[in-house]
Amino acid sequence: MRLIDAMTHLRDARVVEQAPALLARAARAGVEALVEAGIDPARDAELRLPAAAGVALTVRYAVGLHPMHIDVAHHAAQIAALRAALRRGDDDVVAVGEIGLDRRAGAPPLALQRALLHEQLALCAEHELPPIIHCVQAIGPLLEVLRAAPPLRRGGVVHGLCASRASLDALVAHNLSFSVGGMATLARAKRCQLVAREAPAERLLLESDCPDHPPRGFDQPLSEPAALRVTAAAVAALRDTSAEAIATLTADNARRLFGL
């Protein structure tokens, strides 16, 4: 089975010291490549994962400002760092992310989130890169921002989406794909499973969202790229196909979206 992980956070403090071992375990599980997403370009735009000796696994990066990591007092400096990183044009940067909207308690003001998302989507257009979009309890506002932003000619991906069929279709109309992770393995997560089951085949990807949301049946307490095998099997059951077919389909889609 050959897999590509569309979004990880291996630089997270919970797992960064284990990153070489996790990369080695991922390669043994059939993961050929992954996209390591940023959360704060002022801190992580130039950080790279430690090398894992002898591991044949391609690591690429996304740079972006996550809505839950917006510094209300210093967001201009965060966006300036993102602009500088994108101007640098590093060959291993393949996306802008993780960016988006989050309406949970404690999140920064939604108006600020929307303004910064619009600005980052404009950078996607300027640099011809796809976004990796985070959306929690904010489908309506996300669609409003997408309608006002430059079109996503390179496409993009909404990660870990739980949504209705109408919302799924509305996001497809904006040239977006969907990366499915551990939440879709939970029977109670009906709308996550809907996305996994009904997303157009050419717009389906897999993600570990490491270290969050390990799939049901995975034998570790935190998610990691090696968990994609479990997620692939769960998505295959939802779509009435084989895990191998899901692995091949989603890897091909990830290669096309990110230019891997």
Protein backbone atom coordinates (compact mmCIF):
# COMPACT_ATOMS: atom_id res chain seq x y z
CA MET A 1 0.00 0.00 0.00
CA ARG A 2 1.38 3.41 -1.05
CA LEU A 3 0.08 6.39 0.91
CA ILE A 4 0.49 10.17 1.09
CA ASP A 5 -0.34 12.12 4.26
CA ALA A 6 -1.91 15.43 3.24
CA MET A 7 -1.37 17.14 6.61
CA THR A 8 0.79 16.56 9.66
CA HIS A 9 2.05 18.61 12.59
CA LEU A 10 5.18 16.65 13.44
CA ARG A 11 6.81 19.81 14.83
CA ASP A 12 4.19 19.86 17.59
CA ALA A 13 5.85 19.80 21.01
CA ARG A 14 4.10 16.53 21.85
CA VAL A 15 5.87 14.60 19.09
CA VAL A 16 8.78 16.59 17.63
CA GLU A 17 11.42 14.68 19.59
CA GLN A 18 10.01 11.46 18.20
CA ALA A 19 9.77 12.76 14.62
CA PRO A 20 12.62 10.66 13.15
CA ALA A 21 11.12 7.49 14.64
CA LEU A 22 7.64 8.46 13.45
CA LEU A 23 8.95 9.07 9.93
CA ALA A 24 10.66 5.69 9.94
CA ARG A 25 7.46 4.01 11.15
CA ALA A 26 5.47 5.85 8.47
CA ALA A 27 7.79 4.65 5.72
CA ARG A 28 7.42 1.07 6.93
CA ALA A 29 3.64 1.51 6.80
CA GLY A 30 3.80 2.57 3.15
CA VAL A 31 3.73 6.36 3.49
CA GLU A 32 5.74 7.78 0.60
CA ALA A 33 5.30 11.51 1.29
CA LEU A 34 3.70 13.95 3.69
CA VAL A 35 2.91 17.66 3.92
CA GLU A 36 3.96 19.21 7.23
CA ALA A 37 1.72 22.22 7.92
CA GLY A 38 2.66 25.40 9.73
CA ILE A 39 0.68 27.25 12.39
CA ASP A 40 2.64 30.49 12.97
CA PRO A 41 5.03 31.70 10.26
CA ALA A 42 6.79 33.99 12.73
CA ARG A 43 7.96 30.85 14.56
CA ASP A 44 7.92 27.90 12.16
CA ALA A 45 8.31 29.10 8.56
CA GLU A 46 12.01 28.20 8.53
CA LEU A 47 11.87 25.19 10.86
CA ARG A 48 12.41 21.80 9.26
CA LEU A 49 11.99 18.33 10.70
CA PRO A 50 15.12 16.51 11.83
CA ALA A 51 16.36 14.04 9.25
CA ALA A 52 15.54 10.38 9.68
CA ALA A 53 18.59 8.45 8.50
CA GLY A 54 17.88 5.87 5.85
CA VAL A 55 14.18 6.74 5.54
CA ALA A 56 12.86 7.03 1.98
CA LEU A 57 9.97 9.40 2.64
CA THR A 58 9.46 12.80 0.99
CA VAL A 59 8.68 15.66 3.39
CA ARG A 60 7.18 18.86 2.01
CA TYR A 61 5.92 21.92 3.89
CA ALA A 62 3.04 24.36 4.08
CA VAL A 63 3.46 27.79 5.66
CA GLY A 64 0.54 29.71 7.11
CA LEU A 65 -1.15 31.29 10.11
CA HIS A 66 -3.62 28.99 11.87
CA PRO A 67 -6.69 30.85 13.17
CA MET A 68 -6.16 29.61 16.73
CA HIS A 69 -2.57 30.90 16.67
CA ILE A 70 -3.34 34.46 15.60
CA ASP A 71 -1.62 36.93 17.93
CA VAL A 72 -4.22 39.68 18.13
CA ALA A 73 -1.59 42.29 19.06
CA HIS A 74 1.07 41.17 16.57
CA HIS A 75 -0.75 39.58 13.63
CA ALA A 76 0.83 42.04 11.18
CA ALA A 77 4.26 40.62 12.05
CA GLN A 78 2.95 37.08 11.58
CA ILE A 79 1.65 37.89 8.10
CA ALA A 80 4.89 39.73 7.27
CA ALA A 81 6.80 36.56 8.18
CA LEU A 82 4.51 34.55 5.90
CA ARG A 83 5.05 36.97 3.03
CA ALA A 84 8.81 36.75 3.52
CA ALA A 85 8.72 32.95 3.56
CA LEU A 86 6.71 32.82 0.34
CA ARG A 87 8.96 35.39 -1.37
CA ARG A 88 11.93 33.18 -0.49
CA GLY A 89 10.38 30.50 -2.68
CA ASP A 90 11.77 27.43 -0.93
CA ASP A 91 11.46 24.39 -3.19
CA ASP A 92 10.02 22.25 -0.38
CA VAL A 93 7.05 24.59 0.26
CA VAL A 94 4.02 23.27 -1.62
CA ALA A 95 1.04 24.96 0.09
CA VAL A 96 -0.18 27.80 2.31
CA GLY A 97 -1.52 26.39 5.54
CA GLU A 98 -2.85 25.68 7.92
CA ILE A 99 -5.18 28.66 7.53
CA GLY A 100 -8.90 29.14 8.05
CA LEU A 101 -11.67 29.94 10.50
CA ASP A 102 -12.56 28.62 13.95
CA ARG A 103 -15.55 29.71 16.03
CA ARG A 104 -14.86 27.70 19.16
CA ALA A 105 -14.69 29.37 22.56
CA GLY A 106 -11.45 31.26 23.06
CA ALA A 107 -10.79 31.82 19.35
CA PRO A 108 -9.63 35.24 18.13
CA PRO A 109 -12.36 37.62 16.90
CA LEU A 110 -14.04 36.20 13.80
CA ALA A 111 -13.72 39.49 11.90
CA LEU A 112 -9.94 39.35 12.34
CA GLN A 113 -9.83 35.69 11.35
CA ARG A 114 -11.79 36.47 8.18
CA ALA A 115 -9.53 39.37 7.23
CA LEU A 116 -6.38 37.30 7.69
CA LEU A 117 -7.84 34.33 5.82
CA HIS A 118 -8.69 36.61 2.88
CA GLU A 119 -5.16 37.99 2.94
CA GLN A 120 -3.66 34.50 2.96
CA LEU A 121 -5.92 33.30 0.13
CA ALA A 122 -4.68 36.28 -1.89
CA LEU A 123 -1.13 35.06 -1.22
CA CYS A 124 -2.15 31.63 -2.53
CA ALA A 125 -3.18 33.26 -5.79
CA GLU A 126 -0.06 35.42 -5.94
CA HIS A 127 2.29 32.49 -5.41
CA GLU A 128 0.19 29.86 -7.22
CA LEU A 129 -0.03 27.58 -4.19
CA PRO A 130 -3.04 25.67 -2.83
CA PRO A 131 -4.30 26.42 0.68
CA ILE A 132 -4.79 23.88 3.46
CA ILE A 133 -7.95 25.14 5.16
CA HIS A 134 -9.11 24.60 8.74
CA CYS A 135 -12.84 25.16 9.30
CA VAL A 136 -14.57 24.55 12.64
CA GLN A 137 -18.17 25.69 13.09
CA ALA A 138 -17.65 28.24 10.32
CA ILE A 139 -18.85 26.89 6.96
CA GLY A 140 -21.02 29.94 6.25
CA PRO A 141 -18.29 32.50 6.97
CA LEU A 142 -15.76 30.39 5.05
CA LEU A 143 -17.95 30.40 1.96
CA GLU A 144 -18.37 34.17 2.26
CA VAL A 145 -14.59 34.65 2.37
CA LEU A 146 -14.08 32.29 -0.56
CA ARG A 147 -16.60 34.20 -2.66
CA ALA A 148 -14.72 37.46 -2.02
CA ALA A 149 -11.21 36.04 -2.44
CA PRO A 150 -9.31 35.38 -5.68
CA PRO A 151 -10.31 32.05 -7.27
CA LEU A 152 -8.31 28.98 -6.24
CA ARG A 153 -6.94 28.13 -9.67
CA ARG A 154 -4.48 25.64 -8.17
CA GLY A 155 -7.22 24.17 -6.00
CA GLY A 156 -6.91 23.63 -2.28
CA VAL A 157 -7.94 21.27 0.49
CA VAL A 158 -10.22 21.55 3.52
CA HIS A 159 -8.83 19.27 6.18
CA GLY A 160 -10.84 17.19 8.64
CA LEU A 161 -14.15 18.59 7.42
CA CYS A 162 -17.44 17.58 9.05
CA ALA A 163 -20.28 19.02 6.96
CA SER A 164 -23.59 18.51 5.20
CA ARG A 165 -23.85 17.44 1.57
CA ALA A 166 -24.93 20.97 0.62
CA SER A 167 -21.82 22.44 2.25
CA LEU A 168 -19.63 19.82 0.59
CA ASP A 169 -21.04 20.73 -2.81
CA ALA A 170 -20.60 24.45 -2.15
CA LEU A 171 -16.92 23.93 -1.32
CA VAL A 172 -16.39 21.76 -4.40
CA ALA A 173 -17.67 24.70 -6.45
CA HIS A 174 -14.67 26.66 -5.13
CA ASN A 175 -12.26 24.00 -6.48
CA LEU A 176 -11.56 22.51 -3.06
CA SER A 177 -10.64 18.95 -2.12
CA PHE A 178 -11.04 17.21 1.24
CA SER A 179 -8.48 15.42 3.40
CA VAL A 180 -10.03 12.80 5.66
CA GLY A 181 -8.51 11.73 8.95
CA GLY A 182 -9.22 9.87 12.14
CA MET A 183 -12.54 11.57 12.89
CA ALA A 184 -14.09 9.75 9.94
CA THR A 185 -13.43 6.43 11.67
CA LEU A 186 -15.83 7.32 14.52
CA ALA A 187 -19.43 6.20 14.13
CA ARG A 188 -20.64 9.23 16.12
CA ALA A 189 -18.96 11.65 13.68
CA LYS A 190 -21.74 11.37 11.11
CA ARG A 191 -20.85 14.49 9.14
CA CYS A 192 -17.17 13.58 8.99
CA GLN A 193 -18.20 10.19 7.63
CA LEU A 194 -20.50 11.90 5.12
CA VAL A 195 -17.53 13.82 3.71
CA ALA A 196 -15.42 10.66 3.57
CA ARG A 197 -18.20 8.76 1.82
CA GLU A 198 -19.53 11.40 -0.58
CA ALA A 199 -16.59 13.62 -1.56
CA PRO A 200 -15.90 13.30 -5.30
CA ALA A 201 -13.26 10.65 -5.89
CA GLU A 202 -10.91 13.10 -7.59
CA ARG A 203 -11.08 15.39 -4.53
CA LEU A 204 -10.42 12.86 -1.76
CA LEU A 205 -7.16 12.82 0.24
CA LEU A 206 -6.03 11.22 3.50
CA GLU A 207 -4.43 12.94 6.49
CA SER A 208 -3.15 11.92 9.88
CA ASP A 209 -3.45 15.43 11.39
CA CYS A 210 -0.66 14.17 13.64
CA PRO A 211 -0.70 14.29 16.63
CA ASP A 212 -4.47 14.87 16.93
CA HIS A 213 -7.42 12.57 16.18
CA PRO A 214 -5.93 9.08 16.00
CA PRO A 215 -8.24 6.76 14.06
CA ARG A 216 -10.32 4.21 15.90
CA GLY A 217 -8.40 0.95 16.02
CA PHE A 218 -4.93 2.53 15.87
CA ASP A 219 -2.67 1.20 18.60
CA GLN A 220 -1.06 4.49 19.68
CA PRO A 221 -2.51 7.27 21.87
CA LEU A 222 -1.63 10.04 19.39
CA SER A 223 -2.13 10.15 15.65
CA GLU A 224 0.86 9.75 13.34
CA PRO A 225 1.41 9.22 9.60
CA ALA A 226 1.56 5.43 10.02
CA ALA A 227 -2.10 5.61 11.10
CA LEU A 228 -3.11 6.30 7.50
CA ARG A 229 -3.40 2.55 6.91
CA VAL A 230 -6.20 2.39 9.49
CA THR A 231 -7.94 5.46 8.08
CA ALA A 232 -7.67 4.13 4.52
CA ALA A 233 -9.42 0.93 5.57
CA ALA A 234 -12.21 2.87 7.30
CA VAL A 235 -12.74 5.15 4.29
CA ALA A 236 -12.74 2.11 2.00
CA ALA A 237 -15.55 0.58 4.05
CA LEU A 238 -17.56 3.80 3.81
CA ARG A 239 -17.08 3.94 0.03
CA ASP A 240 -17.51 0.19 -0.57
CA THR A 241 -14.08 -0.36 -2.08
CA SER A 242 -10.67 -1.64 -0.99
CA ALA A 243 -8.10 0.05 1.21
CA GLU A 244 -5.55 -0.39 -1.58
CA ALA A 245 -7.84 1.46 -3.99
CA ILE A 246 -8.32 4.31 -1.51
CA ALA A 247 -4.56 4.53 -0.91
CA THR A 248 -3.83 4.73 -4.64
CA LEU A 249 -6.64 7.21 -5.34
CA THR A 250 -5.78 9.58 -2.50
CA ALA A 251 -2.04 9.45 -3.16
CA ASP A 252 -2.60 10.32 -6.82
CA ASN A 253 -4.85 13.22 -5.80
CA ALA A 254 -2.26 14.51 -3.31
CA ARG A 255 0.51 14.34 -5.91
CA ARG A 256 -1.58 16.36 -8.33
CA LEU A 257 -2.70 18.98 -5.79
CA PHE A 258 0.69 19.56 -4.19
CA GLY A 259 2.90 18.87 -7.20
CA LEU A 260 4.72 16.05 -5.42
